[in-house]
């Protein structure tokens, strides 16, 4: 029984240590874009370009699933394939 308690205690300590050491995502310079201001999630790239014009820059897709982004003057739009997943307002 004592060996089981020691093993359980060690597992709990290591588990908590893993949680405490988690990384923090730095999102300085961005805020969530209200739905009424920018493109709506699920919109196509074609509809975003029709509504907001050509972006200042386009970043190619990376990862799996492929995520790309378009930068406008006041916000950035993130796409998965050709659909909006999120838009963030620039500060």
N, C-alpha and C. Protein backbone atom coordinates (compact mmCIF):
# COMPACT_ATOMS: atom_id res chain seq x y z
N UNK A 1 0.82 -1.20 0.00
CA UNK A 1 0.00 0.00 0.00
C UNK A 1 0.87 1.26 0.00
N UNK A 2 1.94 1.25 0.76
CA UNK A 2 2.83 2.41 0.83
C UNK A 2 3.46 2.69 -0.53
N UNK A 3 3.85 1.64 -1.24
CA UNK A 3 4.45 1.81 -2.56
C UNK A 3 3.44 2.44 -3.52
N UNK A 4 2.16 2.04 -3.44
CA UNK A 4 1.11 2.61 -4.27
C UNK A 4 0.91 4.09 -3.96
N UNK A 5 0.93 4.46 -2.68
CA UNK A 5 0.77 5.86 -2.29
C UNK A 5 1.95 6.69 -2.79
N UNK A 6 3.16 6.19 -2.68
CA UNK A 6 4.33 6.92 -3.16
C UNK A 6 4.26 7.11 -4.67
N UNK A 7 3.88 6.07 -5.38
CA UNK A 7 3.78 6.16 -6.83
C UNK A 7 2.71 7.17 -7.23
N UNK A 8 1.58 7.14 -6.56
CA UNK A 8 0.49 8.08 -6.84
C UNK A 8 0.93 9.51 -6.55
N UNK A 9 1.62 9.72 -5.44
CA UNK A 9 2.11 11.05 -5.07
C UNK A 9 3.08 11.58 -6.12
N UNK A 10 4.01 10.76 -6.54
CA UNK A 10 5.00 11.17 -7.55
C UNK A 10 4.30 11.52 -8.86
N UNK A 11 3.32 10.70 -9.25
CA UNK A 11 2.58 10.97 -10.49
C UNK A 11 1.84 12.30 -10.40
N UNK A 12 1.24 12.59 -9.27
CA UNK A 12 0.52 13.86 -9.09
C UNK A 12 1.48 15.04 -9.13
N UNK A 13 2.61 14.93 -8.48
CA UNK A 13 3.60 16.02 -8.46
C UNK A 13 4.10 16.28 -9.88
N UNK A 14 4.42 15.23 -10.62
CA UNK A 14 4.90 15.41 -11.98
C UNK A 14 3.81 15.98 -12.88
N UNK A 15 2.57 15.58 -12.67
CA UNK A 15 1.45 16.11 -13.46
C UNK A 15 1.26 17.59 -13.21
N UNK A 16 1.31 18.02 -11.96
CA UNK A 16 1.17 19.44 -11.62
C UNK A 16 2.35 20.23 -12.17
N UNK A 17 3.56 19.67 -12.09
CA UNK A 17 4.73 20.35 -12.61
C UNK A 17 4.58 20.59 -14.11
N UNK A 18 3.98 19.65 -14.83
CA UNK A 18 3.75 19.83 -16.26
C UNK A 18 2.77 20.95 -16.55
N UNK A 19 1.76 21.09 -15.72
CA UNK A 19 0.76 22.14 -15.89
C UNK A 19 1.38 23.50 -15.56
N UNK A 20 2.13 23.58 -14.49
CA UNK A 20 2.73 24.84 -14.06
C UNK A 20 3.72 25.35 -15.10
N UNK A 21 4.39 24.45 -15.81
CA UNK A 21 5.38 24.85 -16.79
C UNK A 21 4.82 25.10 -18.18
N UNK A 22 3.52 25.28 -18.32
CA UNK A 22 2.91 25.47 -19.64
C UNK A 22 3.36 26.79 -20.26
N UNK A 23 3.45 26.84 -21.60
CA UNK A 23 3.84 28.05 -22.31
C UNK A 23 2.67 29.02 -22.40
N UNK A 24 2.99 30.29 -22.59
CA UNK A 24 1.99 31.33 -22.76
C UNK A 24 2.09 31.87 -24.16
N UNK A 25 0.96 31.99 -24.85
CA UNK A 25 0.93 32.55 -26.19
C UNK A 25 0.84 34.06 -26.10
N UNK A 26 1.82 34.75 -26.66
CA UNK A 26 1.87 36.21 -26.62
C UNK A 26 1.09 36.77 -27.79
N UNK A 27 0.01 37.47 -27.51
CA UNK A 27 -0.86 38.04 -28.54
C UNK A 27 -0.84 39.56 -28.52
N UNK A 28 0.28 40.16 -28.08
CA UNK A 28 0.38 41.62 -28.05
C UNK A 28 0.14 42.19 -29.44
N UNK A 29 -0.59 43.27 -29.52
CA UNK A 29 -0.85 43.92 -30.79
C UNK A 29 -2.10 43.42 -31.50
N UNK A 30 -2.81 42.46 -30.92
CA UNK A 30 -4.03 41.95 -31.54
C UNK A 30 -5.14 41.83 -30.51
N UNK A 31 -6.36 41.98 -30.97
CA UNK A 31 -7.53 41.74 -30.13
C UNK A 31 -8.56 41.01 -30.97
N UNK A 32 -9.47 40.33 -30.33
CA UNK A 32 -10.51 39.61 -31.06
C UNK A 32 -11.36 40.62 -31.84
N UNK A 33 -11.64 40.30 -33.06
CA UNK A 33 -12.43 41.18 -33.92
C UNK A 33 -13.91 40.92 -33.67
N UNK A 34 -14.69 41.96 -33.29
CA UNK A 34 -16.13 41.75 -33.14
C UNK A 34 -16.74 41.27 -34.45
N UNK A 35 -17.73 40.39 -34.36
CA UNK A 35 -18.33 39.79 -35.55
C UNK A 35 -18.91 40.85 -36.49
N UNK A 36 -19.40 41.96 -35.95
CA UNK A 36 -20.04 42.97 -36.79
C UNK A 36 -19.04 43.84 -37.55
N UNK A 37 -17.75 43.77 -37.24
CA UNK A 37 -16.77 44.64 -37.86
C UNK A 37 -16.01 43.97 -39.00
N UNK A 38 -15.63 42.71 -38.85
CA UNK A 38 -14.81 42.03 -39.84
C UNK A 38 -15.53 40.85 -40.46
N UNK A 39 -14.77 40.07 -41.24
CA UNK A 39 -15.36 38.90 -41.90
C UNK A 39 -15.89 37.89 -40.88
N UNK A 40 -16.95 37.22 -41.24
CA UNK A 40 -17.59 36.24 -40.38
C UNK A 40 -16.94 34.88 -40.60
N UNK A 41 -16.75 34.12 -39.52
CA UNK A 41 -16.21 32.76 -39.65
C UNK A 41 -17.02 31.96 -40.64
N UNK A 42 -16.31 31.22 -41.50
CA UNK A 42 -16.96 30.41 -42.51
C UNK A 42 -17.06 31.09 -43.87
N UNK A 43 -16.80 32.40 -43.91
CA UNK A 43 -16.82 33.11 -45.19
C UNK A 43 -15.70 32.61 -46.09
N UNK A 44 -15.89 32.69 -47.38
CA UNK A 44 -14.85 32.28 -48.32
C UNK A 44 -13.86 33.42 -48.57
N UNK A 45 -12.70 33.06 -49.10
CA UNK A 45 -11.71 34.08 -49.46
C UNK A 45 -12.29 35.03 -50.51
N UNK A 46 -13.04 34.48 -51.46
CA UNK A 46 -13.63 35.32 -52.50
C UNK A 46 -14.60 36.35 -51.92
N UNK A 47 -15.42 35.94 -50.94
CA UNK A 47 -16.37 36.88 -50.35
C UNK A 47 -15.67 37.93 -49.50
N UNK A 48 -14.57 37.55 -48.83
CA UNK A 48 -13.80 38.52 -48.04
C UNK A 48 -13.20 39.56 -48.98
N UNK A 49 -12.60 39.11 -50.08
CA UNK A 49 -12.00 40.05 -51.02
C UNK A 49 -13.05 40.94 -51.67
N UNK A 50 -14.24 40.39 -51.94
CA UNK A 50 -15.32 41.19 -52.52
C UNK A 50 -15.80 42.25 -51.54
N UNK A 51 -15.84 41.92 -50.25
CA UNK A 51 -16.33 42.86 -49.23
C UNK A 51 -15.29 43.88 -48.79
N UNK A 52 -14.03 43.46 -48.65
CA UNK A 52 -13.00 44.31 -48.06
C UNK A 52 -11.90 44.71 -49.03
N UNK A 53 -11.96 44.24 -50.27
CA UNK A 53 -10.93 44.58 -51.26
C UNK A 53 -9.72 43.67 -51.13
N UNK A 54 -8.72 43.97 -51.94
CA UNK A 54 -7.48 43.18 -51.90
C UNK A 54 -6.73 43.48 -50.60
N UNK A 55 -6.18 42.45 -49.97
CA UNK A 55 -5.42 42.67 -48.73
C UNK A 55 -4.08 43.34 -49.03
N UNK A 56 -3.48 43.95 -48.01
CA UNK A 56 -2.15 44.55 -48.15
C UNK A 56 -1.10 43.48 -48.41
N UNK A 57 -1.28 42.32 -47.78
CA UNK A 57 -0.36 41.20 -48.00
C UNK A 57 -1.08 39.89 -47.72
N UNK A 58 -0.57 38.84 -48.36
CA UNK A 58 -1.10 37.49 -48.16
C UNK A 58 0.06 36.60 -47.74
N UNK A 59 -0.14 35.84 -46.66
CA UNK A 59 0.87 34.87 -46.22
C UNK A 59 0.41 33.48 -46.64
N UNK A 60 1.32 32.73 -47.23
CA UNK A 60 1.01 31.40 -47.74
C UNK A 60 0.61 30.46 -46.61
N UNK A 61 -0.16 29.45 -46.98
CA UNK A 61 -0.63 28.46 -46.01
C UNK A 61 0.52 27.62 -45.48
N UNK A 62 0.46 27.33 -44.17
CA UNK A 62 1.41 26.45 -43.52
C UNK A 62 0.65 25.48 -42.63
N UNK A 63 1.26 24.31 -42.38
CA UNK A 63 0.70 23.35 -41.44
C UNK A 63 -0.35 22.44 -42.04
N UNK A 64 -0.91 21.63 -41.15
CA UNK A 64 -1.95 20.68 -41.53
C UNK A 64 -3.01 20.69 -40.44
N UNK A 65 -4.17 21.27 -40.60
CA UNK A 65 -4.69 21.80 -41.85
C UNK A 65 -3.96 23.09 -42.25
N UNK A 66 -3.98 23.43 -43.56
CA UNK A 66 -3.27 24.61 -44.03
C UNK A 66 -3.94 25.90 -43.55
N UNK A 67 -3.16 26.73 -42.85
CA UNK A 67 -3.65 28.02 -42.34
C UNK A 67 -2.89 29.13 -43.05
N UNK A 68 -3.64 30.05 -43.66
CA UNK A 68 -3.03 31.21 -44.31
C UNK A 68 -3.62 32.47 -43.68
N UNK A 69 -3.03 33.62 -44.00
CA UNK A 69 -3.57 34.87 -43.46
C UNK A 69 -3.46 35.99 -44.48
N UNK A 70 -4.40 36.91 -44.37
CA UNK A 70 -4.41 38.12 -45.19
C UNK A 70 -4.38 39.30 -44.24
N UNK A 71 -3.53 40.27 -44.53
CA UNK A 71 -3.40 41.45 -43.67
C UNK A 71 -4.03 42.66 -44.35
N UNK A 72 -4.94 43.30 -43.63
CA UNK A 72 -5.56 44.55 -44.05
C UNK A 72 -5.05 45.66 -43.14
N UNK A 73 -5.45 46.91 -43.40
CA UNK A 73 -4.97 48.04 -42.59
C UNK A 73 -5.31 47.88 -41.11
N UNK A 74 -6.53 47.46 -40.79
CA UNK A 74 -6.95 47.43 -39.39
C UNK A 74 -7.16 46.04 -38.81
N UNK A 75 -7.05 44.99 -39.61
CA UNK A 75 -7.24 43.64 -39.08
C UNK A 75 -6.51 42.61 -39.95
N UNK A 76 -6.38 41.40 -39.38
CA UNK A 76 -5.79 40.26 -40.09
C UNK A 76 -6.82 39.14 -40.08
N UNK A 77 -6.98 38.49 -41.22
CA UNK A 77 -7.94 37.39 -41.36
C UNK A 77 -7.16 36.09 -41.52
N UNK A 78 -7.54 35.06 -40.76
CA UNK A 78 -6.91 33.75 -40.84
C UNK A 78 -7.87 32.77 -41.51
N UNK A 79 -7.33 32.01 -42.45
CA UNK A 79 -8.12 31.06 -43.21
C UNK A 79 -7.63 29.63 -42.99
N UNK A 80 -8.55 28.69 -42.95
CA UNK A 80 -8.23 27.27 -43.06
C UNK A 80 -8.76 26.85 -44.42
N UNK A 81 -7.83 26.41 -45.28
CA UNK A 81 -8.15 26.21 -46.69
C UNK A 81 -8.64 27.55 -47.24
N UNK A 82 -9.88 27.67 -47.69
CA UNK A 82 -10.34 28.96 -48.21
C UNK A 82 -11.46 29.57 -47.35
N UNK A 83 -11.58 29.12 -46.10
CA UNK A 83 -12.65 29.62 -45.22
C UNK A 83 -12.08 30.39 -44.03
N UNK A 84 -12.75 31.48 -43.65
CA UNK A 84 -12.34 32.28 -42.50
C UNK A 84 -12.51 31.47 -41.23
N UNK A 85 -11.45 31.42 -40.41
CA UNK A 85 -11.57 30.80 -39.09
C UNK A 85 -11.52 31.84 -37.99
N UNK A 86 -10.86 33.00 -38.27
CA UNK A 86 -10.76 34.03 -37.24
C UNK A 86 -10.28 35.33 -37.86
N UNK A 87 -10.66 36.43 -37.27
CA UNK A 87 -10.14 37.75 -37.66
C UNK A 87 -9.74 38.48 -36.38
N UNK A 88 -8.60 39.13 -36.41
CA UNK A 88 -8.15 39.89 -35.24
C UNK A 88 -7.88 41.33 -35.65
N UNK A 89 -8.26 42.25 -34.78
CA UNK A 89 -8.10 43.67 -35.02
C UNK A 89 -6.69 44.09 -34.60
N UNK A 90 -6.04 44.90 -35.41
CA UNK A 90 -4.73 45.44 -35.05
C UNK A 90 -4.91 46.58 -34.07
N UNK A 91 -3.95 46.77 -33.21
CA UNK A 91 -3.99 47.92 -32.28
C UNK A 91 -3.44 49.14 -32.95
